Amino acid sequence: MEIKKAAVAGTLESSDCMVTVEPGEGEITLDLDSAVIRQYGKQIRKVIGETLKRLDVTSAKVTVVDKGALDCTIKARVECAVYRSADVRDGLPWGGVIV
């Protein structure tokens, strides 16, 4: 999926995360800020990476500010930000792409 413009999904509330997706330069770069990065940083990165892979995103700048979100919340926020940034509005396969 081609990232066309910057888009944001999520909030900075407790148990949520804010995901920003912007056009990349041929690769995926991830900037992660999390209060629980020492305990769960690897898992958070894995969830983000797997979600982007399932959505066929190969070039993007992704920024995530995590406030203790569960994996399902992270997936949903990444999915939403990607769809918004790709200008996908009709026929959204919510939950169908992300297993």
C-alpha atoms as a PDB file:
ATOM      1  CA  MET A   1       0.000   0.000   0.000  1.00  0.00           C
ATOM      2  CA  GLU A   2       1.378   3.386  -0.956  1.00  0.00           C
ATOM      3  CA  ILE A   3       1.592   6.036   1.754  1.00  0.00           C
ATOM      4  CA  LYS A   4       0.482   9.287   0.109  1.00  0.00           C
ATOM      5  CA  LYS A   5       0.286  11.787   2.970  1.00  0.00           C
ATOM      6  CA  ALA A   6       0.822  12.114   6.703  1.00  0.00           C
ATOM      7  CA  ALA A   7      -1.942  10.701   8.879  1.00  0.00           C
ATOM      8  CA  VAL A   8      -2.525  10.146  12.583  1.00  0.00           C
ATOM      9  CA  ALA A   9      -4.606   7.679  14.586  1.00  0.00           C
ATOM     10  CA  GLY A  10      -5.013   7.316  18.333  1.00  0.00           C
ATOM     11  CA  THR A  11      -4.618   9.498  21.389  1.00  0.00           C
ATOM     12  CA  LEU A  12      -2.128  10.156  24.154  1.00  0.00           C
ATOM     13  CA  GLU A  13      -4.506   8.837  26.804  1.00  0.00           C
ATOM     14  CA  SER A  14      -3.503   6.045  29.148  1.00  0.00           C
ATOM     15  CA  SER A  15      -3.703   2.565  27.550  1.00  0.00           C
ATOM     16  CA  ASP A  16      -3.665   4.017  24.026  1.00  0.00           C
ATOM     17  CA  CYS A  17      -1.039   5.034  21.490  1.00  0.00           C
ATOM     18  CA  MET A  18      -0.727   7.726  18.857  1.00  0.00           C
ATOM     19  CA  VAL A  19       0.519   6.498  15.484  1.00  0.00           C
ATOM     20  CA  THR A  20       1.726   8.876  12.786  1.00  0.00           C
ATOM     21  CA  VAL A  21       2.437   7.529   9.303  1.00  0.00           C
ATOM     22  CA  GLU A  22       4.200   9.620   6.652  1.00  0.00           C
ATOM     23  CA  PRO A  23       5.612   8.888   3.193  1.00  0.00           C
ATOM     24  CA  GLY A  24       8.994   7.187   3.423  1.00  0.00           C
ATOM     25  CA  GLU A  25      12.143   7.096   1.361  1.00  0.00           C
ATOM     26  CA  GLY A  26      12.131   3.491   0.170  1.00  0.00           C
ATOM     27  CA  GLU A  27      12.175   1.806   3.572  1.00  0.00           C
ATOM     28  CA  ILE A  28      10.245   1.664   6.809  1.00  0.00           C
ATOM     29  CA  THR A  29      11.643   3.749   9.643  1.00  0.00           C
ATOM     30  CA  LEU A  30      10.154   3.505  13.115  1.00  0.00           C
ATOM     31  CA  ASP A  31      10.480   5.990  15.941  1.00  0.00           C
ATOM     32  CA  LEU A  32       9.011   4.511  19.124  1.00  0.00           C
ATOM     33  CA  ASP A  33       8.485   6.377  22.382  1.00  0.00           C
ATOM     34  CA  SER A  34       6.992   4.281  25.172  1.00  0.00           C
ATOM     35  CA  ALA A  35       6.852   4.416  28.940  1.00  0.00           C
ATOM     36  CA  VAL A  36       7.199   0.619  28.928  1.00  0.00           C
ATOM     37  CA  ILE A  37       9.861   0.313  26.228  1.00  0.00           C
ATOM     38  CA  ARG A  38      12.266  -1.638  28.446  1.00  0.00           C
ATOM     39  CA  GLN A  39       9.672  -4.291  29.226  1.00  0.00           C
ATOM     40  CA  TYR A  40       7.721  -4.428  25.958  1.00  0.00           C
ATOM     41  CA  GLY A  41       9.732  -2.566  23.316  1.00  0.00           C
ATOM     42  CA  LYS A  42      10.547  -5.682  21.284  1.00  0.00           C
ATOM     43  CA  GLN A  43       6.923  -6.825  21.272  1.00  0.00           C
ATOM     44  CA  ILE A  44       5.627  -3.374  20.317  1.00  0.00           C
ATOM     45  CA  ARG A  45       8.093  -3.182  17.408  1.00  0.00           C
ATOM     46  CA  LYS A  46       7.113  -6.699  16.325  1.00  0.00           C
ATOM     47  CA  VAL A  47       3.385  -5.870  16.316  1.00  0.00           C
ATOM     48  CA  ILE A  48       3.961  -2.675  14.326  1.00  0.00           C
ATOM     49  CA  GLY A  49       6.221  -4.448  11.820  1.00  0.00           C
ATOM     50  CA  GLU A  50       3.839  -7.368  11.306  1.00  0.00           C
ATOM     51  CA  THR A  51       0.896  -5.023  10.822  1.00  0.00           C
ATOM     52  CA  LEU A  52       2.740  -2.936   8.230  1.00  0.00           C
ATOM     53  CA  LYS A  53       3.821  -6.123   6.425  1.00  0.00           C
ATOM     54  CA  ARG A  54       0.239  -7.455   6.280  1.00  0.00           C
ATOM     55  CA  LEU A  55      -0.855  -4.120   4.811  1.00  0.00           C
ATOM     56  CA  ASP A  56       1.930  -4.290   2.177  1.00  0.00           C
ATOM     57  CA  VAL A  57       3.566  -1.083   3.371  1.00  0.00           C
ATOM     58  CA  THR A  58       7.190  -1.043   2.196  1.00  0.00           C
ATOM     59  CA  SER A  59       8.066   2.639   2.473  1.00  0.00           C
ATOM     60  CA  ALA A  60       6.970   4.803   5.395  1.00  0.00           C
ATOM     61  CA  LYS A  61       8.104   6.878   8.322  1.00  0.00           C
ATOM     62  CA  VAL A  62       6.191   5.643  11.363  1.00  0.00           C
ATOM     63  CA  THR A  63       6.164   7.415  14.716  1.00  0.00           C
ATOM     64  CA  VAL A  64       4.485   5.779  17.703  1.00  0.00           C
ATOM     65  CA  VAL A  65       3.949   7.334  21.116  1.00  0.00           C
ATOM     66  CA  ASP A  66       2.753   4.516  23.359  1.00  0.00           C
ATOM     67  CA  LYS A  67       0.985   4.988  26.670  1.00  0.00           C
ATOM     68  CA  GLY A  68       0.642   1.309  27.561  1.00  0.00           C
ATOM     69  CA  ALA A  69      -1.557   0.138  24.690  1.00  0.00           C
ATOM     70  CA  LEU A  70      -2.354  -3.539  24.245  1.00  0.00           C
ATOM     71  CA  ASP A  71      -1.299  -5.322  21.039  1.00  0.00           C
ATOM     72  CA  CYS A  72      -4.828  -5.162  19.601  1.00  0.00           C
ATOM     73  CA  THR A  73      -4.919  -1.396  20.121  1.00  0.00           C
ATOM     74  CA  ILE A  74      -1.534  -0.930  18.478  1.00  0.00           C
ATOM     75  CA  LYS A  75      -2.666  -2.987  15.471  1.00  0.00           C
ATOM     76  CA  ALA A  76      -5.885  -0.991  15.149  1.00  0.00           C
ATOM     77  CA  ARG A  77      -4.079   2.360  15.365  1.00  0.00           C
ATOM     78  CA  VAL A  78      -1.441   1.379  12.798  1.00  0.00           C
ATOM     79  CA  GLU A  79      -4.117   0.015  10.453  1.00  0.00           C
ATOM     80  CA  CYS A  80      -6.212   3.188  10.756  1.00  0.00           C
ATOM     81  CA  ALA A  81      -3.243   5.536  10.220  1.00  0.00           C
ATOM     82  CA  VAL A  82      -2.127   3.578   7.138  1.00  0.00           C
ATOM     83  CA  TYR A  83      -5.600   3.617   5.577  1.00  0.00           C
ATOM     84  CA  ARG A  84      -5.922   7.339   6.246  1.00  0.00           C
ATOM     85  CA  SER A  85      -2.487   8.059   4.784  1.00  0.00           C
ATOM     86  CA  ALA A  86      -3.243   5.998   1.664  1.00  0.00           C
ATOM     87  CA  ASP A  87      -6.600   7.767   1.203  1.00  0.00           C
ATOM     88  CA  VAL A  88      -8.510   4.478   1.414  1.00  0.00           C
ATOM     89  CA  ARG A  89     -12.106   5.285   2.298  1.00  0.00           C
ATOM     90  CA  ASP A  90     -14.370   2.749   0.622  1.00  0.00           C
ATOM     91  CA  GLY A  91     -14.513  -0.974   1.219  1.00  0.00           C
ATOM     92  CA  LEU A  92     -12.260  -0.912   4.245  1.00  0.00           C
ATOM     93  CA  PRO A  93     -11.428  -4.475   5.307  1.00  0.00           C
ATOM     94  CA  TRP A  94     -11.377  -3.662   9.028  1.00  0.00           C
ATOM     95  CA  GLY A  95     -10.199  -6.690  10.883  1.00  0.00           C
ATOM     96  CA  GLY A  96     -10.054  -8.729   7.700  1.00  0.00           C
ATOM     97  CA  VAL A  97      -6.449  -7.897   6.889  1.00  0.00           C
ATOM     98  CA  ILE A  98      -5.175  -7.874  10.441  1.00  0.00           C
ATOM     99  CA  VAL A  99      -5.335 -11.271  12.088  1.00  0.00           C
END
